[in-house]
Amino acid sequence: MESCQNGKHLGQLLFGYCSNIQCISNLKTFCDICKYHHDEHYQDLQQLDSLDNIKLKNNEQMNQMGNFIENQQKFYLEFLATFKEMDLRNLKIDYQNNNDLIDQLKQIVKIESVLNTALPICQNVQQSCTLIMQELNKLKKNKEQEIQEKPKQGKKQKLIQKQGMKQKQLSQKQVISEIKQWQDFKLHFSQKFKYKWIKILNNGQMAKNEDDRGMVICEPMLPKKGQYRFAFGINENSYLIWIGICHKEFLMQNDFKTYFDEKPICNNGVYLVNNYGVAYSHLPTDNTESFIFSPDDLIIVYVDMDKGNITWKSKVSNNKYSMKFDATQDVHACAGITSFSPVFLVEKF
């Protein structure tokens, strides 16, 4: 069964149609909800299951009309023959009785009156039937076109679904590719390569500075090829910390101190960002502003050894910052910490 064509009545089934020609409703068909728009002419509502009976009744009436028209054609021919035999010019000669003459004239006038009445009615009937035939032919043509278009629509729908499926599979492959691209790199803070006041806790997963400020190296060294990621957890009460990568020899030469500004703008051996949004680079760069870390943040570091590119991403704010680094030299992950600002490595993020 068809559904209601009223957009507000989605899912409602059609029960019938309105046969009232003067009905002002936009839709002649009705469902259980919109039938109340026809309360003023409820008797004109027809059920869909009564259409076959109506069609059968129409066929009977059409047959009756056809028989009537056929009989009228015969009668018309007989009447026309009789009418033509009348010689109106010699009525006075043929009818010596004046009463017969008057009666004959009355009949002629009645014929004129009947024709004047019947002709417009017949014309209106013919015009109405013509309009109905045009509408039926239009519906038939639309139905034939719909039948012809249905396979095309089906193919088009299948094509759209196929394209959507391909796009979905492509997106999934891209996501999988991105996931596979970055290898989680397991690190630990070095007991050997660190500032003298830094203590390593929790099996190498936490670094804490008991005095001043300094750097600590993470081991092992990053491989020369590939894309790697690792993460540092930030304590809510951290004062000042640095996170990134470095060329270890430069830090060793400086006793793992964090006096980067005393070096030239470049050649300091580090690629770092701190929680106040300041960036430091061993290579010349025009941009030294990154993003501010949030309290209890998680900073994920992406290191592309093939392209020589490093990116920091905040898990809390989703902010990112990237810079180039010298991938021809050995590279280690590292962190810089101050008193009462511990930093810890996160394996699952």
C-alpha atoms as a PDB file:
ATOM      1  CA  MET A   1       0.000   0.000   0.000  1.00  0.00           C
ATOM      2  CA  GLU A   2       1.222   3.536  -0.834  1.00  0.00           C
ATOM      3  CA  SER A   3       2.284   6.041   1.833  1.00  0.00           C
ATOM      4  CA  CYS A   4       0.728   9.456   2.448  1.00  0.00           C
ATOM      5  CA  GLN A   5       2.137  12.226   0.237  1.00  0.00           C
ATOM      6  CA  ASN A   6       1.974  14.774   3.062  1.00  0.00           C
ATOM      7  CA  GLY A   7       5.563  15.318   4.243  1.00  0.00           C
ATOM      8  CA  LYS A   8       4.369  15.711   7.848  1.00  0.00           C
ATOM      9  CA  HIS A   9       2.659  12.308   7.814  1.00  0.00           C
ATOM     10  CA  LEU A  10       5.641  10.129   6.908  1.00  0.00           C
ATOM     11  CA  GLY A  11       4.951   6.435   7.395  1.00  0.00           C
ATOM     12  CA  GLN A  12       1.154   6.848   7.310  1.00  0.00           C
ATOM     13  CA  LEU A  13      -0.586   4.558   4.790  1.00  0.00           C
ATOM     14  CA  LEU A  14      -3.118   5.845   2.251  1.00  0.00           C
ATOM     15  CA  PHE A  15      -6.721   4.812   2.849  1.00  0.00           C
ATOM     16  CA  GLY A  16      -8.499   6.528  -0.036  1.00  0.00           C
ATOM     17  CA  TYR A  17      -9.154   9.661  -2.047  1.00  0.00           C
ATOM     18  CA  CYS A  18     -11.606  12.543  -2.148  1.00  0.00           C
ATOM     19  CA  SER A  19     -14.005  12.643  -5.105  1.00  0.00           C
ATOM     20  CA  ASN A  20     -15.278  16.154  -4.333  1.00  0.00           C
ATOM     21  CA  ILE A  21     -14.313  18.414  -7.248  1.00  0.00           C
ATOM     22  CA  GLN A  22     -14.613  21.576  -5.105  1.00  0.00           C
ATOM     23  CA  CYS A  23     -12.330  20.155  -2.376  1.00  0.00           C
ATOM     24  CA  ILE A  24      -9.673  22.750  -1.442  1.00  0.00           C
ATOM     25  CA  SER A  25      -7.264  20.227   0.082  1.00  0.00           C
ATOM     26  CA  ASN A  26      -3.849  20.190  -1.611  1.00  0.00           C
ATOM     27  CA  LEU A  27      -3.869  16.399  -1.721  1.00  0.00           C
ATOM     28  CA  LYS A  28      -6.884  14.476  -2.935  1.00  0.00           C
ATOM     29  CA  THR A  29      -5.607  11.288  -1.325  1.00  0.00           C
ATOM     30  CA  PHE A  30      -5.857  10.914   2.438  1.00  0.00           C
ATOM     31  CA  CYS A  31      -4.399   8.899   5.287  1.00  0.00           C
ATOM     32  CA  ASP A  32      -5.810   8.309   8.759  1.00  0.00           C
ATOM     33  CA  ILE A  33      -4.564  11.788   9.831  1.00  0.00           C
ATOM     34  CA  CYS A  34      -5.361  14.066   6.911  1.00  0.00           C
ATOM     35  CA  LYS A  35      -8.857  12.637   6.328  1.00  0.00           C
ATOM     36  CA  TYR A  36     -10.052  15.139   8.948  1.00  0.00           C
ATOM     37  CA  HIS A  37      -9.412  17.938   6.417  1.00  0.00           C
ATOM     38  CA  HIS A  38     -12.435  16.550   4.523  1.00  0.00           C
ATOM     39  CA  ASP A  39     -14.939  16.621   7.416  1.00  0.00           C
ATOM     40  CA  GLU A  40     -17.272  18.994   5.548  1.00  0.00           C
ATOM     41  CA  HIS A  41     -17.760  16.465   2.721  1.00  0.00           C
ATOM     42  CA  TYR A  42     -17.000  13.203   4.437  1.00  0.00           C
ATOM     43  CA  GLN A  43     -19.476  11.424   2.169  1.00  0.00           C
ATOM     44  CA  ASP A  44     -17.214  12.132  -0.830  1.00  0.00           C
ATOM     45  CA  LEU A  45     -14.309  10.109   0.567  1.00  0.00           C
ATOM     46  CA  GLN A  46     -13.703   6.869  -1.286  1.00  0.00           C
ATOM     47  CA  GLN A  47     -11.750   3.917   0.072  1.00  0.00           C
ATOM     48  CA  LEU A  48      -8.890   2.572  -2.045  1.00  0.00           C
ATOM     49  CA  ASP A  49     -10.342  -0.924  -1.894  1.00  0.00           C
ATOM     50  CA  SER A  50     -13.534   0.430  -3.560  1.00  0.00           C
ATOM     51  CA  LEU A  51     -11.675   1.528  -6.713  1.00  0.00           C
ATOM     52  CA  ASP A  52     -12.305  -1.780  -8.484  1.00  0.00           C
ATOM     53  CA  ASN A  53     -16.058  -1.474  -7.863  1.00  0.00           C
ATOM     54  CA  ILE A  54     -16.015   2.136  -9.086  1.00  0.00           C
ATOM     55  CA  LYS A  55     -14.095   1.119 -12.200  1.00  0.00           C
ATOM     56  CA  LEU A  56     -16.590  -1.694 -12.864  1.00  0.00           C
ATOM     57  CA  LYS A  57     -19.494   0.724 -12.432  1.00  0.00           C
ATOM     58  CA  ASN A  58     -17.840   3.202 -14.804  1.00  0.00           C
ATOM     59  CA  ASN A  59     -17.436   0.471 -17.415  1.00  0.00           C
ATOM     60  CA  GLU A  60     -21.139  -0.383 -17.168  1.00  0.00           C
ATOM     61  CA  GLN A  61     -22.103   3.271 -17.491  1.00  0.00           C
ATOM     62  CA  MET A  62     -19.759   3.709 -20.470  1.00  0.00           C
ATOM     63  CA  ASN A  63     -21.372   0.734 -22.159  1.00  0.00           C
ATOM     64  CA  GLN A  64     -24.814   2.181 -21.466  1.00  0.00           C
ATOM     65  CA  MET A  65     -23.708   5.516 -22.867  1.00  0.00           C
ATOM     66  CA  GLY A  66     -22.299   3.813 -25.941  1.00  0.00           C
ATOM     67  CA  ASN A  67     -25.593   1.990 -26.557  1.00  0.00           C
ATOM     68  CA  PHE A  68     -27.514   5.210 -25.978  1.00  0.00           C
ATOM     69  CA  ILE A  69     -25.333   7.134 -28.454  1.00  0.00           C
ATOM     70  CA  GLU A  70     -25.724   4.346 -31.027  1.00  0.00           C
ATOM     71  CA  ASN A  71     -29.546   4.440 -30.651  1.00  0.00           C
ATOM     72  CA  GLN A  72     -29.500   8.227 -30.835  1.00  0.00           C
ATOM     73  CA  GLN A  73     -27.523   8.082 -34.077  1.00  0.00           C
ATOM     74  CA  LYS A  74     -30.199   5.838 -35.612  1.00  0.00           C
ATOM     75  CA  PHE A  75     -32.953   8.060 -34.274  1.00  0.00           C
ATOM     76  CA  TYR A  76     -31.111  11.142 -35.537  1.00  0.00           C
ATOM     77  CA  LEU A  77     -30.884   9.744 -39.054  1.00  0.00           C
ATOM     78  CA  GLU A  78     -34.607   8.870 -39.067  1.00  0.00           C
ATOM     79  CA  PHE A  79     -35.526  12.247 -37.620  1.00  0.00           C
ATOM     80  CA  LEU A  80     -33.316  14.053 -40.156  1.00  0.00           C
ATOM     81  CA  ALA A  81     -34.903  12.163 -43.046  1.00  0.00           C
ATOM     82  CA  THR A  82     -38.405  13.083 -41.808  1.00  0.00           C
ATOM     83  CA  PHE A  83     -37.371  16.682 -41.251  1.00  0.00           C
ATOM     84  CA  LYS A  84     -35.912  16.986 -44.762  1.00  0.00           C
ATOM     85  CA  GLU A  85     -39.171  15.738 -46.293  1.00  0.00           C
ATOM     86  CA  MET A  86     -40.972  18.746 -44.883  1.00  0.00           C
ATOM     87  CA  ASP A  87     -41.401  21.536 -47.417  1.00  0.00           C
ATOM     88  CA  LEU A  88     -41.661  24.577 -45.235  1.00  0.00           C
ATOM     89  CA  ARG A  89     -42.287  26.833 -48.203  1.00  0.00           C
ATOM     90  CA  ASN A  90     -45.493  25.009 -49.145  1.00  0.00           C
ATOM     91  CA  LEU A  91     -46.924  24.507 -45.659  1.00  0.00           C
ATOM     92  CA  LYS A  92     -49.868  26.769 -46.442  1.00  0.00           C
ATOM     93  CA  ILE A  93     -50.704  24.724 -49.526  1.00  0.00           C
ATOM     94  CA  ASP A  94     -50.234  21.298 -47.939  1.00  0.00           C
ATOM     95  CA  TYR A  95     -52.208  22.141 -44.825  1.00  0.00           C
ATOM     96  CA  GLN A  96     -55.589  23.691 -45.580  1.00  0.00           C
ATOM     97  CA  ASN A  97     -56.512  23.255 -41.906  1.00  0.00           C
ATOM     98  CA  ASN A  98     -55.006  26.130 -39.950  1.00  0.00           C
ATOM     99  CA  ASN A  99     -54.855  24.097 -36.743  1.00  0.00           C
ATOM    100  CA  ASP A 100     -52.665  21.479 -38.386  1.00  0.00           C
ATOM    101  CA  LEU A 101     -50.417  24.250 -39.662  1.00  0.00           C
ATOM    102  CA  ILE A 102     -50.064  25.762 -36.215  1.00  0.00           C
ATOM    103  CA  ASP A 103     -49.296  22.365 -34.653  1.00  0.00           C
ATOM    104  CA  GLN A 104     -46.605  21.747 -37.251  1.00  0.00           C
ATOM    105  CA  LEU A 105     -44.994  25.097 -36.551  1.00  0.00           C
ATOM    106  CA  LYS A 106     -45.050  24.410 -32.806  1.00  0.00           C
ATOM    107  CA  GLN A 107     -43.158  21.167 -33.314  1.00  0.00           C
ATOM    108  CA  ILE A 108     -40.538  22.937 -35.410  1.00  0.00           C
ATOM    109  CA  VAL A 109     -40.065  25.524 -32.634  1.00  0.00           C
ATOM    110  CA  LYS A 110     -39.761  22.717 -30.025  1.00  0.00           C
ATOM    111  CA  ILE A 111     -37.071  21.068 -32.126  1.00  0.00           C
ATOM    112  CA  GLU A 112     -35.133  24.318 -32.140  1.00  0.00           C
ATOM    113  CA  SER A 113     -35.537  24.671 -28.352  1.00  0.00           C
ATOM    114  CA  VAL A 114     -34.408  21.079 -27.696  1.00  0.00           C
ATOM    115  CA  LEU A 115     -31.386  21.490 -29.954  1.00  0.00           C
ATOM    116  CA  ASN A 116     -30.438  24.775 -28.284  1.00  0.00           C
ATOM    117  CA  THR A 117     -30.606  23.033 -24.894  1.00  0.00           C
ATOM    118  CA  ALA A 118     -29.031  19.700 -25.814  1.00  0.00           C
ATOM    119  CA  LEU A 119     -26.146  20.987 -27.939  1.00  0.00           C
ATOM    120  CA  PRO A 120     -24.291  22.891 -25.139  1.00  0.00           C
ATOM    121  CA  ILE A 121     -24.787  19.935 -22.799  1.00  0.00           C
ATOM    122  CA  CYS A 122     -23.278  17.557 -25.354  1.00  0.00           C
ATOM    123  CA  GLN A 123     -20.413  19.975 -25.960  1.00  0.00           C
ATOM    124  CA  ASN A 124     -19.727  20.230 -22.223  1.00  0.00           C
ATOM    125  CA  VAL A 125     -19.811  16.456 -21.864  1.00  0.00           C
ATOM    126  CA  GLN A 126     -17.417  16.107 -24.784  1.00  0.00           C
ATOM    127  CA  GLN A 127     -15.099  18.777 -23.353  1.00  0.00           C
ATOM    128  CA  SER A 128     -15.065  17.102 -19.922  1.00  0.00           C
ATOM    129  CA  CYS A 129     -14.399  13.704 -21.475  1.00  0.00           C
ATOM    130  CA  THR A 130     -11.613  15.224 -23.579  1.00  0.00           C
ATOM    131  CA  LEU A 131      -9.943  16.667 -20.470  1.00  0.00           C
ATOM    132  CA  ILE A 132     -10.271  13.307 -18.704  1.00  0.00           C
ATOM    133  CA  MET A 133      -8.752  11.529 -21.704  1.00  0.00           C
ATOM    134  CA  GLN A 134      -5.864  13.999 -21.772  1.00  0.00           C
ATOM    135  CA  GLU A 135      -5.222  13.463 -18.057  1.00  0.00           C
ATOM    136  CA  LEU A 136      -5.419   9.685 -18.423  1.00  0.00           C
ATOM    137  CA  ASN A 137      -3.011   9.778 -21.381  1.00  0.00           C
ATOM    138  CA  LYS A 138      -0.672  11.976 -19.320  1.00  0.00           C
ATOM    139  CA  LEU A 139      -0.805   9.537 -16.404  1.00  0.00           C
ATOM    140  CA  LYS A 140      -0.217   6.651 -18.789  1.00  0.00           C
ATOM    141  CA  LYS A 141       2.764   8.417 -20.319  1.00  0.00           C
ATOM    142  CA  ASN A 142       4.180   9.215 -16.859  1.00  0.00           C
ATOM    143  CA  LYS A 143       3.744   5.590 -15.826  1.00  0.00           C
ATOM    144  CA  GLU A 144       5.496   4.344 -18.961  1.00  0.00           C
ATOM    145  CA  GLN A 145       8.312   6.838 -18.384  1.00  0.00           C
ATOM    146  CA  GLU A 146       8.541   5.750 -14.762  1.00  0.00           C
ATOM    147  CA  ILE A 147       8.803   2.112 -15.855  1.00  0.00           C
ATOM    148  CA  GLN A 148      11.511   3.039 -18.346  1.00  0.00           C
ATOM    149  CA  GLU A 149      13.397   5.146 -15.798  1.00  0.00           C
ATOM    150  CA  LYS A 150      13.142   2.601 -12.997  1.00  0.00           C
ATOM    151  CA  PRO A 151      16.043   0.425 -14.243  1.00  0.00           C
ATOM    152  CA  LYS A 152      18.113   3.581 -14.782  1.00  0.00           C
ATOM    153  CA  GLN A 153      17.292   4.815 -11.287  1.00  0.00           C
ATOM    154  CA  GLY A 154      18.174   1.398  -9.905  1.00  0.00           C
ATOM    155  CA  LYS A 155      21.513   1.454 -11.709  1.00  0.00           C
ATOM    156  CA  LYS A 156      22.130   5.027 -10.571  1.00  0.00           C
ATOM    157  CA  GLN A 157      21.312   4.109  -6.964  1.00  0.00           C
ATOM    158  CA  LYS A 158      23.609   1.094  -7.132  1.00  0.00           C
ATOM    159  CA  LEU A 159      26.344   3.278  -8.618  1.00  0.00           C
ATOM    160  CA  ILE A 160      25.938   5.841  -5.817  1.00  0.00           C
ATOM    161  CA  GLN A 161      26.022   3.064  -3.214  1.00  0.00           C
ATOM    162  CA  LYS A 162      29.082   1.553  -4.883  1.00  0.00           C
ATOM    163  CA  GLN A 163      30.856   4.910  -4.953  1.00  0.00           C
ATOM    164  CA  GLY A 164      29.897   5.524  -1.319  1.00  0.00           C
ATOM    165  CA  MET A 165      31.250   2.097  -0.376  1.00  0.00           C
ATOM    166  CA  LYS A 166      34.501   2.773  -2.243  1.00  0.00           C
ATOM    167  CA  GLN A 167      34.837   6.146  -0.539  1.00  0.00           C
ATOM    168  CA  LYS A 168      34.199   4.552   2.842  1.00  0.00           C
ATOM    169  CA  GLN A 169      36.754   1.813   2.158  1.00  0.00           C
ATOM    170  CA  LEU A 170      39.254   4.426   0.970  1.00  0.00           C
ATOM    171  CA  SER A 171      38.713   6.465   4.141  1.00  0.00           C
ATOM    172  CA  GLN A 172      39.151   3.348   6.256  1.00  0.00           C
ATOM    173  CA  LYS A 173      42.341   2.488   4.389  1.00  0.00           C
ATOM    174  CA  GLN A 174      43.639   6.019   4.926  1.00  0.00           C
ATOM    175  CA  VAL A 175      42.882   5.808   8.644  1.00  0.00           C
ATOM    176  CA  ILE A 176      44.566   2.393   8.846  1.00  0.00           C
ATOM    177  CA  SER A 177      47.495   3.728   6.835  1.00  0.00           C
ATOM    178  CA  GLU A 178      47.874   6.689   9.188  1.00  0.00           C
ATOM    179  CA  ILE A 179      47.719   4.393  12.193  1.00  0.00           C
ATOM    180  CA  LYS A 180      50.283   2.052  10.670  1.00  0.00           C
ATOM    181  CA  GLN A 181      52.497   4.957   9.608  1.00  0.00           C
ATOM    182  CA  TRP A 182      53.311   6.009  13.163  1.00  0.00           C
ATOM    183  CA  GLN A 183      54.991   3.361  15.268  1.00  0.00           C
ATOM    184  CA  ASP A 184      54.674   3.720  19.030  1.00  0.00           C
ATOM    185  CA  PHE A 185      58.244   4.013  20.272  1.00  0.00           C
ATOM    186  CA  LYS A 186      58.869   2.736  23.796  1.00  0.00           C
ATOM    187  CA  LEU A 187      61.218   4.948  25.806  1.00  0.00           C
ATOM    188  CA  HIS A 188      62.664   5.280  29.277  1.00  0.00           C
ATOM    189  CA  PHE A 189      64.521   8.102  30.964  1.00  0.00           C
ATOM    190  CA  SER A 190      68.298   7.549  31.050  1.00  0.00           C
ATOM    191  CA  GLN A 191      70.029   7.136  34.412  1.00  0.00           C
ATOM    192  CA  LYS A 192      73.313   8.171  32.791  1.00  0.00           C
ATOM    193  CA  PHE A 193      72.579  11.055  30.414  1.00  0.00           C
ATOM    194  CA  LYS A 194      70.835  13.631  32.602  1.00  0.00           C
ATOM    195  CA  TYR A 195      71.264  16.749  34.696  1.00  0.00           C
ATOM    196  CA  LYS A 196      72.909  15.962  38.038  1.00  0.00           C
ATOM    197  CA  TRP A 197      69.910  16.820  40.248  1.00  0.00           C
ATOM    198  CA  ILE A 198      67.369  14.854  38.229  1.00  0.00           C
ATOM    199  CA  LYS A 199      66.139  11.567  39.699  1.00  0.00           C
ATOM    200  CA  ILE A 200      64.633   8.770  37.603  1.00  0.00           C
ATOM    201  CA  LEU A 201      61.672   6.978  39.192  1.00  0.00           C
ATOM    202  CA  ASN A 202      59.073   4.304  38.362  1.00  0.00           C
ATOM    203  CA  ASN A 203      61.416   2.060  36.379  1.00  0.00           C
ATOM    204  CA  GLY A 204      62.560   4.890  34.161  1.00  0.00           C
ATOM    205  CA  GLN A 205      59.071   6.242  33.419  1.00  0.00           C
ATOM    206  CA  MET A 206      59.253   9.417  35.575  1.00  0.00           C
ATOM    207  CA  ALA A 207      61.874  12.150  35.906  1.00  0.00           C
ATOM    208  CA  LYS A 208      61.959  14.591  38.819  1.00  0.00           C
ATOM    209  CA  ASN A 209      64.313  17.508  39.416  1.00  0.00           C
ATOM    210  CA  GLU A 210      65.214  18.242  43.029  1.00  0.00           C
ATOM    211  CA  ASP A 211      66.984  21.522  42.347  1.00  0.00           C
ATOM    212  CA  ASP A 212      67.222  24.192  39.638  1.00  0.00           C
ATOM    213  CA  ARG A 213      66.557  23.072  36.054  1.00  0.00           C
ATOM    214  CA  GLY A 214      68.101  20.596  33.596  1.00  0.00           C
ATOM    215  CA  MET A 215      67.664  18.120  30.738  1.00  0.00           C
ATOM    216  CA  VAL A 216      67.279  14.352  30.666  1.00  0.00           C
ATOM    217  CA  ILE A 217      67.790  12.083  27.660  1.00  0.00           C
ATOM    218  CA  CYS A 218      65.355   9.291  26.742  1.00  0.00           C
ATOM    219  CA  GLU A 219      66.658   5.994  25.470  1.00  0.00           C
ATOM    220  CA  PRO A 220      66.987   4.243  23.120  1.00  0.00           C
ATOM    221  CA  MET A 221      68.044   6.459  20.237  1.00  0.00           C
ATOM    222  CA  LEU A 222      65.470   6.901  17.481  1.00  0.00           C
ATOM    223  CA  PRO A 223      66.134   4.738  14.369  1.00  0.00           C
ATOM    224  CA  LYS A 224      67.468   6.478  11.278  1.00  0.00           C
ATOM    225  CA  LYS A 225      64.414   5.568   9.174  1.00  0.00           C
ATOM    226  CA  GLY A 226      60.699   5.468   9.866  1.00  0.00           C
ATOM    227  CA  GLN A 227      57.949   7.419  11.610  1.00  0.00           C
ATOM    228  CA  TYR A 228      57.671   7.218  15.398  1.00  0.00           C
ATOM    229  CA  ARG A 229      55.541   8.668  18.163  1.00  0.00           C
ATOM    230  CA  PHE A 230      55.746   8.835  21.938  1.00  0.00           C
ATOM    231  CA  ALA A 231      54.026  10.843  24.653  1.00  0.00           C
ATOM    232  CA  PHE A 232      54.872  12.824  27.792  1.00  0.00           C
ATOM    233  CA  GLY A 233      52.453  13.395  30.652  1.00  0.00           C
ATOM    234  CA  ILE A 234      52.369  16.817  32.299  1.00  0.00           C
ATOM    235  CA  ASN A 235      51.619  17.311  35.998  1.00  0.00           C
ATOM    236  CA  GLU A 236      48.910  19.837  36.844  1.00  0.00           C
ATOM    237  CA  ASN A 237      51.256  21.892  39.046  1.00  0.00           C
ATOM    238  CA  SER A 238      54.228  21.884  36.670  1.00  0.00           C
ATOM    239  CA  TYR A 239      56.145  25.162  36.628  1.00  0.00           C
ATOM    240  CA  LEU A 240      58.381  24.945  33.550  1.00  0.00           C
ATOM    241  CA  ILE A 241      59.117  21.965  31.305  1.00  0.00           C
ATOM    242  CA  TRP A 242      60.513  21.363  27.818  1.00  0.00           C
ATOM    243  CA  ILE A 243      59.596  18.446  25.557  1.00  0.00           C
ATOM    244  CA  GLY A 244      61.060  17.298  22.247  1.00  0.00           C
ATOM    245  CA  ILE A 245      64.173  15.778  20.709  1.00  0.00           C
ATOM    246  CA  CYS A 246      67.861  16.582  20.671  1.00  0.00           C
ATOM    247  CA  HIS A 247      71.338  15.734  19.439  1.00  0.00           C
ATOM    248  CA  LYS A 248      72.756  14.254  22.648  1.00  0.00           C
ATOM    249  CA  GLU A 249      76.348  15.450  22.164  1.00  0.00           C
ATOM    250  CA  PHE A 250      75.316  19.118  22.344  1.00  0.00           C
ATOM    251  CA  LEU A 251      73.569  18.587  25.701  1.00  0.00           C
ATOM    252  CA  MET A 252      76.544  16.649  27.061  1.00  0.00           C
ATOM    253  CA  GLN A 253      78.827  19.535  26.139  1.00  0.00           C
ATOM    254  CA  ASN A 254      76.559  21.875  28.119  1.00  0.00           C
ATOM    255  CA  ASP A 255      76.277  19.519  31.158  1.00  0.00           C
ATOM    256  CA  PHE A 256      72.575  19.029  30.360  1.00  0.00           C
ATOM    257  CA  LYS A 257      71.714  22.603  31.381  1.00  0.00           C
ATOM    258  CA  THR A 258      68.779  24.467  29.866  1.00  0.00           C
ATOM    259  CA  TYR A 259      70.546  27.705  28.985  1.00  0.00           C
ATOM    260  CA  PHE A 260      69.492  27.561  25.351  1.00  0.00           C
ATOM    261  CA  ASP A 261      69.240  31.344  25.023  1.00  0.00           C
ATOM    262  CA  GLU A 262      72.950  31.704  25.765  1.00  0.00           C
ATOM    263  CA  LYS A 263      73.665  29.833  22.552  1.00  0.00           C
ATOM    264  CA  PRO A 264      73.117  31.365  19.128  1.00  0.00           C
ATOM    265  CA  ILE A 265      69.537  31.210  17.835  1.00  0.00           C
ATOM    266  CA  CYS A 266      70.511  27.947  16.178  1.00  0.00           C
ATOM    267  CA  ASN A 267      73.205  25.362  16.915  1.00  0.00           C
ATOM    268  CA  ASN A 268      71.895  24.605  20.407  1.00  0.00           C
ATOM    269  CA  GLY A 269      71.309  20.892  19.669  1.00  0.00           C
ATOM    270  CA  VAL A 270      67.616  20.824  20.670  1.00  0.00           C
ATOM    271  CA  TYR A 271      64.153  20.905  19.095  1.00  0.00           C
ATOM    272  CA  LEU A 272      61.862  21.733  22.013  1.00  0.00           C
ATOM    273  CA  VAL A 273      58.634  23.415  23.023  1.00  0.00           C
ATOM    274  CA  ASN A 274      57.831  24.454  26.593  1.00  0.00           C
ATOM    275  CA  ASN A 275      54.529  24.748  28.432  1.00  0.00           C
ATOM    276  CA  TYR A 276      54.497  28.530  27.955  1.00  0.00           C
ATOM    277  CA  GLY A 277      54.403  28.214  24.165  1.00  0.00           C
ATOM    278  CA  VAL A 278      58.064  28.973  23.391  1.00  0.00           C
ATOM    279  CA  ALA A 279      59.890  26.889  20.772  1.00  0.00           C
ATOM    280  CA  TYR A 280      63.652  26.235  20.430  1.00  0.00           C
ATOM    281  CA  SER A 281      65.366  24.864  17.324  1.00  0.00           C
ATOM    282  CA  HIS A 282      68.881  23.774  16.413  1.00  0.00           C
ATOM    283  CA  LEU A 283      68.101  24.934  12.858  1.00  0.00           C
ATOM    284  CA  PRO A 284      67.309  28.517  11.799  1.00  0.00           C
ATOM    285  CA  THR A 285      63.558  29.232  12.069  1.00  0.00           C
ATOM    286  CA  ASP A 286      61.319  32.306  11.896  1.00  0.00           C
ATOM    287  CA  ASN A 287      58.652  30.926  14.225  1.00  0.00           C
ATOM    288  CA  THR A 288      59.436  30.484  17.934  1.00  0.00           C
ATOM    289  CA  GLU A 289      55.842  30.404  19.224  1.00  0.00           C
ATOM    290  CA  SER A 290      54.128  27.027  19.645  1.00  0.00           C
ATOM    291  CA  PHE A 291      51.155  26.476  21.982  1.00  0.00           C
ATOM    292  CA  ILE A 292      50.599  26.574  25.731  1.00  0.00           C
ATOM    293  CA  PHE A 293      50.185  23.237  27.486  1.00  0.00           C
ATOM    294  CA  SER A 294      47.001  22.691  29.469  1.00  0.00           C
ATOM    295  CA  PRO A 295      47.027  21.458  33.108  1.00  0.00           C
ATOM    296  CA  ASP A 296      47.278  17.660  33.251  1.00  0.00           C
ATOM    297  CA  ASP A 297      48.009  17.661  29.497  1.00  0.00           C
ATOM    298  CA  LEU A 298      49.380  14.826  27.408  1.00  0.00           C
ATOM    299  CA  ILE A 299      51.843  15.895  24.707  1.00  0.00           C
ATOM    300  CA  ILE A 300      52.208  13.440  21.823  1.00  0.00           C
ATOM    301  CA  VAL A 301      55.397  13.822  19.791  1.00  0.00           C
ATOM    302  CA  TYR A 302      55.497  12.639  16.154  1.00  0.00           C
ATOM    303  CA  VAL A 303      58.984  12.238  14.675  1.00  0.00           C
ATOM    304  CA  ASP A 304      59.349  11.544  10.948  1.00  0.00           C
ATOM    305  CA  MET A 305      62.943  10.437  10.476  1.00  0.00           C
ATOM    306  CA  ASP A 306      62.494  10.147   6.701  1.00  0.00           C
ATOM    307  CA  LYS A 307      61.341  13.746   6.207  1.00  0.00           C
ATOM    308  CA  GLY A 308      63.167  15.312   9.147  1.00  0.00           C
ATOM    309  CA  ASN A 309      59.980  16.715  10.650  1.00  0.00           C
ATOM    310  CA  ILE A 310      58.724  16.790  14.264  1.00  0.00           C
ATOM    311  CA  THR A 311      55.198  17.624  15.424  1.00  0.00           C
ATOM    312  CA  TRP A 312      53.846  18.193  18.948  1.00  0.00           C
ATOM    313  CA  LYS A 313      50.146  17.662  19.627  1.00  0.00           C
ATOM    314  CA  SER A 314      48.177  18.434  22.789  1.00  0.00           C
ATOM    315  CA  LYS A 315      45.739  15.667  23.744  1.00  0.00           C
ATOM    316  CA  VAL A 316      43.642  18.179  25.709  1.00  0.00           C
ATOM    317  CA  SER A 317      43.423  21.135  23.291  1.00  0.00           C
ATOM    318  CA  ASN A 318      44.295  19.271  20.055  1.00  0.00           C
ATOM    319  CA  ASN A 319      46.713  22.108  19.200  1.00  0.00           C
ATOM    320  CA  LYS A 320      49.693  21.239  16.994  1.00  0.00           C
ATOM    321  CA  TYR A 321      53.100  22.686  16.248  1.00  0.00           C
ATOM    322  CA  SER A 322      55.736  21.439  13.776  1.00  0.00           C
ATOM    323  CA  MET A 323      59.335  22.180  12.830  1.00  0.00           C
ATOM    324  CA  LYS A 324      62.164  20.679  10.793  1.00  0.00           C
ATOM    325  CA  PHE A 325      65.161  18.931  12.337  1.00  0.00           C
ATOM    326  CA  ASP A 326      68.503  17.556  11.150  1.00  0.00           C
ATOM    327  CA  ALA A 327      67.798  13.847  10.562  1.00  0.00           C
ATOM    328  CA  THR A 328      71.397  13.181   9.452  1.00  0.00           C
ATOM    329  CA  GLN A 329      72.559  13.313  13.075  1.00  0.00           C
ATOM    330  CA  ASP A 330      71.640  10.954  15.910  1.00  0.00           C
ATOM    331  CA  VAL A 331      68.336  11.887  17.522  1.00  0.00           C
ATOM    332  CA  HIS A 332      67.076  11.189  21.052  1.00  0.00           C
ATOM    333  CA  ALA A 333      63.808  12.108  22.736  1.00  0.00           C
ATOM    334  CA  CYS A 334      64.392  14.359  25.730  1.00  0.00           C
ATOM    335  CA  ALA A 335      62.742  16.535  28.356  1.00  0.00           C
ATOM    336  CA  GLY A 336      63.741  19.536  30.404  1.00  0.00           C
ATOM    337  CA  ILE A 337      62.348  19.931  33.938  1.00  0.00           C
ATOM    338  CA  THR A 338      62.534  22.331  36.866  1.00  0.00           C
ATOM    339  CA  SER A 339      62.033  21.796  40.569  1.00  0.00           C
ATOM    340  CA  PHE A 340      58.660  20.386  41.559  1.00  0.00           C
ATOM    341  CA  SER A 341      57.723  19.869  37.879  1.00  0.00           C
ATOM    342  CA  PRO A 342      57.988  16.128  37.214  1.00  0.00           C
ATOM    343  CA  VAL A 343      57.365  14.677  33.773  1.00  0.00           C
ATOM    344  CA  PHE A 344      56.497  11.082  32.941  1.00  0.00           C
ATOM    345  CA  LEU A 345      56.389   8.867  29.867  1.00  0.00           C
ATOM    346  CA  VAL A 346      53.031   7.461  28.712  1.00  0.00           C
ATOM    347  CA  GLU A 347      52.925   4.172  26.830  1.00  0.00           C
ATOM    348  CA  LYS A 348      49.200   4.085  26.002  1.00  0.00           C
ATOM    349  CA  PHE A 349      47.658   7.240  24.555  1.00  0.00           C
END
